[in-house]
Amino acid sequence: MKAVEISSFGAPDVLRLADRNAPVPGVGELLIQVSASGINRPDILQRLGHYPAPAGASDIPGLEVAGVIVSGDAQALADANLKVGDRVCALVTGGGYAELCVAPVAQCLPVPEGWTDVQAAGLPETFFTVWSNLFDRGRLQAGETVLIQGGSSGIGVTAIQMAKAFGATVIVTAGSAAKCAACLALGADHAINYKTNDFETEVLRLTQGQGVHVVLDMVAGAYVAKEINCLAEDGRLVIIAVQGGVQAEVNAGLVMRKRLTVTGSTLRVRPVPFKAAIAQSLQKNVWPLLAKGQIKPVVSEVFAAKDAGKAHAAMEASAHVGKIILEWTQP
């Protein structure tokens, strides 16, 4: 099979198309003929040498795919009500930038009716992450207000739509007027351009000084202290990335007085049963909304697999709104 591999750590041009042996599915797994692969920030970090694949995972980058089941564990497929020939999207620990990819059956979901594989390939990583962190860890409830940092990112556009679908008020930050407008068009109630406005001041103004109930943070660093100031009593801060740095100063007294919860998580290293539980929640609670069009795909750009380096460069330029996808042209 053809696959995109990291020839050495460095700039986007270290990604190259190469010949690799096809993977073989084991117990509880299936093999997917990949039509499209999603691009995510962890892929960038892996290419730079800052985020190695977990033990036992493929060294090929890529955490989400969509395509057709070509083989797999017959019993596991039957238990999941799947069969060879079905179109699925899947969350994987690696190996997604390839024509063939092995995935645990429990981490696969059917491609929503009416959706293309390109659209579906951008679902797993962001939807699993948002559900696990915003709803499981962050306990976001209808009637609450959430602050989503990086509202125009793949995570952000997913979080906006899911939070609105479940009855929350949504405030986002984004880095330009155009990105703020895109977030509002997706359903955000308020969008703050963090390059021209102080988000802490704006959040407190928009909430009449009460603060938000949940913050979904992809920045960390100096943002953490400001986010704690933005939280209402019994608020929850959920950190899912550290683009602003791993060190943060915390006012412990404020955390105690407001009874705050500061938490975070990473998804890639979690075991299959944990991810399987998220998949089941998504299929029950979110997949019907996708089928009805209440939550919609947001694909910014699509690149041929051979142009994976250009796709990474586009992500690093941060001009996109939504997902960047690699497309595989099958013979």
Protein backbone atom coordinates (compact mmCIF):
# COMPACT_ATOMS: atom_id res chain seq x y z
CA MET A 1 0.00 0.00 0.00
CA LYS A 2 0.95 3.66 -0.27
CA ALA A 3 1.40 5.58 2.95
CA VAL A 4 2.66 8.96 4.06
CA GLU A 5 5.64 8.52 6.36
CA ILE A 6 7.83 10.87 8.36
CA SER A 7 11.25 10.54 6.73
CA SER A 8 12.91 12.56 9.52
CA PHE A 9 11.72 15.05 12.11
CA GLY A 10 11.29 18.57 10.80
CA ALA A 11 9.38 20.84 8.44
CA PRO A 12 6.35 19.71 6.40
CA ASP A 13 8.53 18.58 3.50
CA VAL A 14 9.80 15.61 5.54
CA LEU A 15 6.48 13.90 4.79
CA ARG A 16 6.81 11.58 1.82
CA LEU A 17 4.69 9.01 0.02
CA ALA A 18 6.21 5.53 0.42
CA ASP A 19 5.40 1.87 -0.08
CA ARG A 20 4.53 -0.02 3.10
CA ASN A 21 3.28 -3.49 3.90
CA ALA A 22 -0.45 -3.60 4.42
CA PRO A 23 -1.47 -3.96 8.08
CA VAL A 24 -3.31 -7.09 9.22
CA PRO A 25 -6.31 -6.81 11.55
CA GLY A 26 -6.24 -8.84 14.73
CA VAL A 27 -8.86 -9.85 17.28
CA GLY A 28 -11.47 -7.13 17.66
CA GLU A 29 -10.12 -5.20 14.67
CA LEU A 30 -11.06 -4.47 11.07
CA LEU A 31 -9.22 -3.28 7.96
CA ILE A 32 -10.39 -0.14 6.16
CA GLN A 33 -9.72 0.82 2.54
CA VAL A 34 -9.13 4.48 3.28
CA SER A 35 -10.76 7.16 1.15
CA ALA A 36 -9.83 10.13 3.33
CA SER A 37 -7.68 10.90 6.37
CA GLY A 38 -8.12 13.77 8.81
CA ILE A 39 -5.25 16.12 9.73
CA ASN A 40 -4.85 17.06 13.40
CA ARG A 41 -2.45 19.08 15.54
CA PRO A 42 -0.96 15.94 17.14
CA ASP A 43 0.17 14.91 13.63
CA ILE A 44 2.18 18.14 13.44
CA LEU A 45 3.76 17.45 16.82
CA GLN A 46 4.60 13.88 15.79
CA ARG A 47 6.26 15.16 12.59
CA LEU A 48 8.35 17.57 14.68
CA GLY A 49 9.45 14.76 17.01
CA HIS A 50 7.50 16.05 20.01
CA TYR A 51 4.74 13.43 20.16
CA PRO A 52 5.89 9.86 19.51
CA ALA A 53 3.36 7.17 18.67
CA PRO A 54 2.31 5.07 21.68
CA ALA A 55 3.91 1.66 22.13
CA GLY A 56 2.52 -0.79 19.60
CA ALA A 57 1.00 1.88 17.36
CA SER A 58 2.01 2.47 13.75
CA ASP A 59 4.73 5.05 13.15
CA ILE A 60 2.65 6.33 10.22
CA PRO A 61 0.86 9.53 11.33
CA GLY A 62 -2.89 9.99 11.25
CA LEU A 63 -5.52 9.58 13.96
CA GLU A 64 -8.77 9.39 11.94
CA VAL A 65 -9.92 7.87 8.67
CA ALA A 66 -13.01 7.14 6.62
CA GLY A 67 -13.52 4.43 4.03
CA VAL A 68 -14.86 0.93 3.39
CA ILE A 69 -14.44 -2.19 5.55
CA VAL A 70 -12.52 -4.81 3.54
CA SER A 71 -11.97 -7.48 6.23
CA GLY A 72 -11.89 -8.03 9.96
CA ASP A 73 -12.82 -10.04 13.04
CA ALA A 74 -16.15 -11.60 11.99
CA GLN A 75 -17.53 -11.86 15.52
CA ALA A 76 -16.56 -8.30 16.44
CA LEU A 77 -18.12 -7.02 13.23
CA ALA A 78 -21.35 -8.92 13.90
CA ASP A 79 -21.49 -7.66 17.48
CA ALA A 80 -21.14 -4.07 16.19
CA ASN A 81 -23.76 -4.62 13.47
CA LEU A 82 -21.12 -3.97 10.79
CA LYS A 83 -20.07 -5.99 7.75
CA VAL A 84 -17.52 -5.99 4.92
CA GLY A 85 -18.45 -3.29 2.44
CA ASP A 86 -19.88 -0.87 5.02
CA ARG A 87 -18.64 2.71 5.04
CA VAL A 88 -17.20 3.73 8.39
CA CYS A 89 -15.08 6.40 10.01
CA ALA A 90 -12.65 5.42 12.74
CA LEU A 91 -10.47 6.79 15.50
CA VAL A 92 -7.00 5.21 15.45
CA THR A 93 -3.77 5.59 17.44
CA GLY A 94 -1.72 5.94 14.24
CA GLY A 95 -1.51 4.71 10.68
CA GLY A 96 -4.24 6.96 9.32
CA TYR A 97 -2.19 8.47 6.47
CA ALA A 98 -2.36 5.30 4.39
CA GLU A 99 -4.46 3.50 1.80
CA LEU A 100 -5.20 0.73 4.30
CA CYS A 101 -5.63 1.19 8.03
CA VAL A 102 -6.43 -1.16 10.92
CA ALA A 103 -8.87 0.08 13.56
CA PRO A 104 -10.54 -1.45 16.60
CA VAL A 105 -14.12 -2.28 15.64
CA ALA A 106 -15.29 -0.55 18.82
CA GLN A 107 -13.77 2.74 17.62
CA CYS A 108 -15.60 2.71 14.29
CA LEU A 109 -18.86 4.47 13.52
CA PRO A 110 -20.99 4.39 10.38
CA VAL A 111 -20.58 7.27 7.96
CA PRO A 112 -23.67 9.43 8.55
CA GLU A 113 -26.28 9.17 5.80
CA GLY A 114 -25.70 11.72 3.07
CA TRP A 115 -22.12 12.45 4.08
CA THR A 116 -19.03 11.89 1.92
CA ASP A 117 -15.95 10.08 3.17
CA VAL A 118 -14.05 13.38 3.04
CA GLN A 119 -16.57 14.89 5.43
CA ALA A 120 -16.66 11.81 7.66
CA ALA A 121 -12.86 11.61 7.93
CA GLY A 122 -12.92 14.84 9.94
CA LEU A 123 -15.30 13.45 12.56
CA PRO A 124 -13.58 10.93 14.87
CA GLU A 125 -10.70 12.81 16.49
CA THR A 126 -12.65 16.00 17.12
CA PHE A 127 -15.98 14.41 18.05
CA PHE A 128 -14.44 11.86 20.44
CA THR A 129 -12.34 14.64 22.01
CA VAL A 130 -15.17 17.13 22.39
CA TRP A 131 -17.64 14.61 23.80
CA SER A 132 -15.13 13.21 26.28
CA ASN A 133 -13.94 16.60 27.50
CA LEU A 134 -16.85 19.00 27.14
CA PHE A 135 -19.63 16.65 28.21
CA ASP A 136 -17.97 13.88 30.26
CA ARG A 137 -15.20 15.78 32.05
CA GLY A 138 -16.67 19.29 31.74
CA ARG A 139 -20.24 18.15 32.55
CA LEU A 140 -21.71 20.85 30.30
CA GLN A 141 -25.48 21.11 30.79
CA ALA A 142 -28.32 22.79 28.95
CA GLY A 143 -28.69 26.40 30.08
CA GLU A 144 -25.00 26.79 30.96
CA THR A 145 -22.46 29.00 29.22
CA VAL A 146 -19.21 27.68 27.74
CA LEU A 147 -16.08 29.48 26.55
CA ILE A 148 -14.39 27.67 23.67
CA GLN A 149 -10.86 28.78 22.88
CA GLY A 150 -9.88 28.48 19.22
CA GLY A 151 -13.43 28.41 17.92
CA SER A 152 -12.44 28.16 14.25
CA SER A 153 -10.27 25.04 14.70
CA GLY A 154 -11.48 21.53 13.99
CA ILE A 155 -12.15 21.06 17.70
CA GLY A 156 -13.72 24.49 17.92
CA VAL A 157 -16.26 24.13 15.12
CA THR A 158 -17.27 20.75 16.54
CA ALA A 159 -17.59 22.08 20.09
CA ILE A 160 -19.69 25.06 18.95
CA GLN A 161 -22.22 22.89 17.18
CA MET A 162 -22.40 20.20 19.86
CA ALA A 163 -22.73 22.70 22.71
CA LYS A 164 -25.52 24.56 20.90
CA ALA A 165 -27.29 21.31 20.02
CA PHE A 166 -27.44 20.43 23.72
CA GLY A 167 -28.74 23.82 24.83
CA ALA A 168 -25.68 25.77 25.97
CA THR A 169 -24.79 29.41 25.34
CA VAL A 170 -21.49 29.56 23.44
CA ILE A 171 -18.73 32.16 23.61
CA VAL A 172 -15.66 31.58 21.42
CA THR A 173 -12.31 33.17 20.76
CA ALA A 174 -10.75 33.36 17.30
CA GLY A 175 -7.85 35.21 15.70
CA SER A 176 -9.53 37.38 13.06
CA ALA A 177 -12.80 39.09 12.23
CA ALA A 178 -13.40 36.57 9.44
CA LYS A 179 -12.90 33.61 11.81
CA CYS A 180 -15.19 35.21 14.38
CA ALA A 181 -17.85 35.63 11.69
CA ALA A 182 -17.47 31.97 10.72
CA CYS A 183 -17.97 30.90 14.33
CA LEU A 184 -21.12 33.02 14.63
CA ALA A 185 -22.43 31.48 11.41
CA LEU A 186 -22.00 28.03 12.98
CA GLY A 187 -24.14 29.03 15.94
CA ALA A 188 -21.83 30.66 18.47
CA ASP A 189 -23.65 33.35 20.47
CA HIS A 190 -20.58 35.57 20.88
CA ALA A 191 -17.15 35.62 19.22
CA ILE A 192 -14.14 37.47 20.63
CA ASN A 193 -11.18 38.39 18.46
CA TYR A 194 -8.38 37.65 20.91
CA LYS A 195 -5.91 39.70 18.87
CA THR A 196 -7.87 42.92 19.35
CA ASN A 197 -9.75 42.28 22.62
CA ASP A 198 -8.91 40.86 26.03
CA PHE A 199 -11.02 37.72 26.27
CA GLU A 200 -11.19 37.83 30.07
CA THR A 201 -12.68 41.33 30.04
CA GLU A 202 -15.10 40.44 27.26
CA VAL A 203 -16.29 37.20 28.88
CA LEU A 204 -17.04 38.96 32.16
CA ARG A 205 -18.85 41.75 30.27
CA LEU A 206 -20.93 39.28 28.26
CA THR A 207 -21.89 37.33 31.40
CA GLN A 208 -22.58 40.45 33.51
CA GLY A 209 -19.64 39.56 35.72
CA GLN A 210 -20.92 36.07 36.52
CA GLY A 211 -18.45 34.16 34.36
CA VAL A 212 -18.90 30.96 32.35
CA HIS A 213 -19.64 27.49 33.65
CA VAL A 214 -17.12 25.63 31.45
CA VAL A 215 -13.95 26.58 29.56
CA LEU A 216 -12.58 24.29 26.83
CA ASP A 217 -8.92 25.29 26.55
CA MET A 218 -6.41 24.35 23.84
CA VAL A 219 -3.84 26.99 24.82
CA ALA A 220 -2.93 26.61 28.52
CA GLY A 221 0.15 28.65 29.54
CA ALA A 222 -0.77 32.20 30.52
CA TYR A 223 -4.40 31.58 29.53
CA VAL A 224 -5.04 29.41 32.58
CA ALA A 225 -4.94 32.27 35.12
CA LYS A 226 -7.28 34.36 32.97
CA GLU A 227 -9.65 31.44 32.47
CA ILE A 228 -9.88 30.87 36.21
CA ASN A 229 -10.90 34.52 36.53
CA CYS A 230 -13.54 33.90 33.82
CA LEU A 231 -15.18 30.96 35.55
CA ALA A 232 -18.39 31.16 37.54
CA GLU A 233 -18.76 29.46 40.90
CA ASP A 234 -18.50 25.68 40.56
CA GLY A 235 -17.01 26.22 37.08
CA ARG A 236 -14.92 23.65 35.21
CA LEU A 237 -11.75 24.32 33.23
CA VAL A 238 -10.87 21.51 30.81
CA ILE A 239 -7.40 21.65 29.20
CA ILE A 240 -6.92 19.54 26.05
CA ALA A 241 -3.78 21.07 24.49
CA VAL A 242 -0.86 23.27 25.50
CA GLN A 243 -0.17 25.44 22.46
CA GLY A 244 0.65 28.33 24.80
CA GLY A 245 3.03 26.30 26.98
CA VAL A 246 2.85 23.78 29.80
CA GLN A 247 3.60 26.17 32.66
CA ALA A 248 0.70 28.07 34.23
CA GLU A 249 0.21 30.23 37.31
CA VAL A 250 -2.89 29.39 39.32
CA ASN A 251 -4.59 31.44 42.03
CA ALA A 252 -5.28 28.56 44.39
CA GLY A 253 -7.32 30.78 46.68
CA LEU A 254 -9.70 31.65 43.84
CA VAL A 255 -9.99 27.98 42.90
CA MET A 256 -11.06 27.23 46.48
CA ARG A 257 -13.40 30.19 46.92
CA LYS A 258 -15.23 29.50 43.65
CA ARG A 259 -15.09 25.70 44.13
CA LEU A 260 -13.55 25.26 40.68
CA THR A 261 -12.54 22.06 38.92
CA VAL A 262 -9.36 22.20 36.81
CA THR A 263 -8.96 19.07 34.71
CA GLY A 264 -7.63 17.86 31.39
CA SER A 265 -6.94 14.81 29.31
CA THR A 266 -5.26 13.26 26.32
CA LEU A 267 -7.10 10.72 24.20
CA ARG A 268 -4.54 8.89 22.07
CA VAL A 269 -3.09 6.68 24.82
CA ARG A 270 -6.41 5.73 26.41
CA PRO A 271 -7.40 2.04 26.09
CA VAL A 272 -9.91 0.73 23.57
CA PRO A 273 -12.72 0.20 26.13
CA PHE A 274 -12.54 3.88 27.13
CA LYS A 275 -12.77 5.02 23.52
CA ALA A 276 -15.47 2.44 22.82
CA ALA A 277 -17.65 4.01 25.52
CA ILE A 278 -17.25 7.40 23.84
CA ALA A 279 -18.16 5.88 20.48
CA GLN A 280 -21.34 4.43 21.97
CA SER A 281 -22.29 7.81 23.47
CA LEU A 282 -21.67 9.54 20.15
CA GLN A 283 -23.74 7.03 18.19
CA LYS A 284 -26.62 7.41 20.64
CA ASN A 285 -26.54 11.16 21.24
CA VAL A 286 -24.78 12.85 18.32
CA TRP A 287 -25.05 10.66 15.21
CA PRO A 288 -28.82 11.30 14.92
CA LEU A 289 -28.06 15.05 14.87
CA LEU A 290 -25.55 14.52 12.06
CA ALA A 291 -28.08 12.53 10.05
CA LYS A 292 -30.65 15.33 10.47
CA GLY A 293 -28.14 18.03 9.52
CA GLN A 294 -28.41 19.72 12.90
CA ILE A 295 -24.62 19.35 13.16
CA LYS A 296 -22.80 19.80 9.87
CA PRO A 297 -19.33 19.02 8.48
CA VAL A 298 -16.90 21.91 8.28
CA VAL A 299 -14.14 21.05 5.81
CA SER A 300 -11.74 23.88 5.08
CA GLU A 301 -9.39 22.31 2.52
CA VAL A 302 -8.81 18.95 0.87
CA PHE A 303 -5.36 17.84 -0.31
CA ALA A 304 -4.26 14.80 -2.30
CA ALA A 305 -2.39 12.35 -0.09
CA LYS A 306 0.83 12.99 -1.99
CA ASP A 307 0.55 16.63 -0.87
CA ALA A 308 0.48 15.85 2.84
CA GLY A 309 3.32 18.30 3.38
CA LYS A 310 1.20 21.10 1.91
CA ALA A 311 -1.66 20.07 4.17
CA HIS A 312 0.57 20.33 7.23
CA ALA A 313 1.84 23.70 6.08
CA ALA A 314 -1.76 24.88 5.74
CA MET A 315 -2.56 23.77 9.27
CA GLU A 316 0.51 25.51 10.65
CA ALA A 317 -0.46 28.72 8.82
CA SER A 318 -3.72 28.63 10.85
CA ALA A 319 -5.82 30.36 8.20
CA HIS A 320 -8.32 27.51 8.02
CA VAL A 321 -11.79 27.22 9.55
CA GLY A 322 -12.66 23.62 10.36
CA LYS A 323 -10.91 20.49 9.18
CA ILE A 324 -8.09 19.83 6.70
CA ILE A 325 -8.39 16.46 4.96
CA LEU A 326 -6.16 14.18 2.85
CA GLU A 327 -7.92 12.33 0.04
CA TRP A 328 -6.76 9.01 -1.39
CA THR A 329 -7.56 8.27 -5.02
CA GLN A 330 -8.23 4.57 -5.26
CA PRO A 331 -7.36 2.56 -8.41
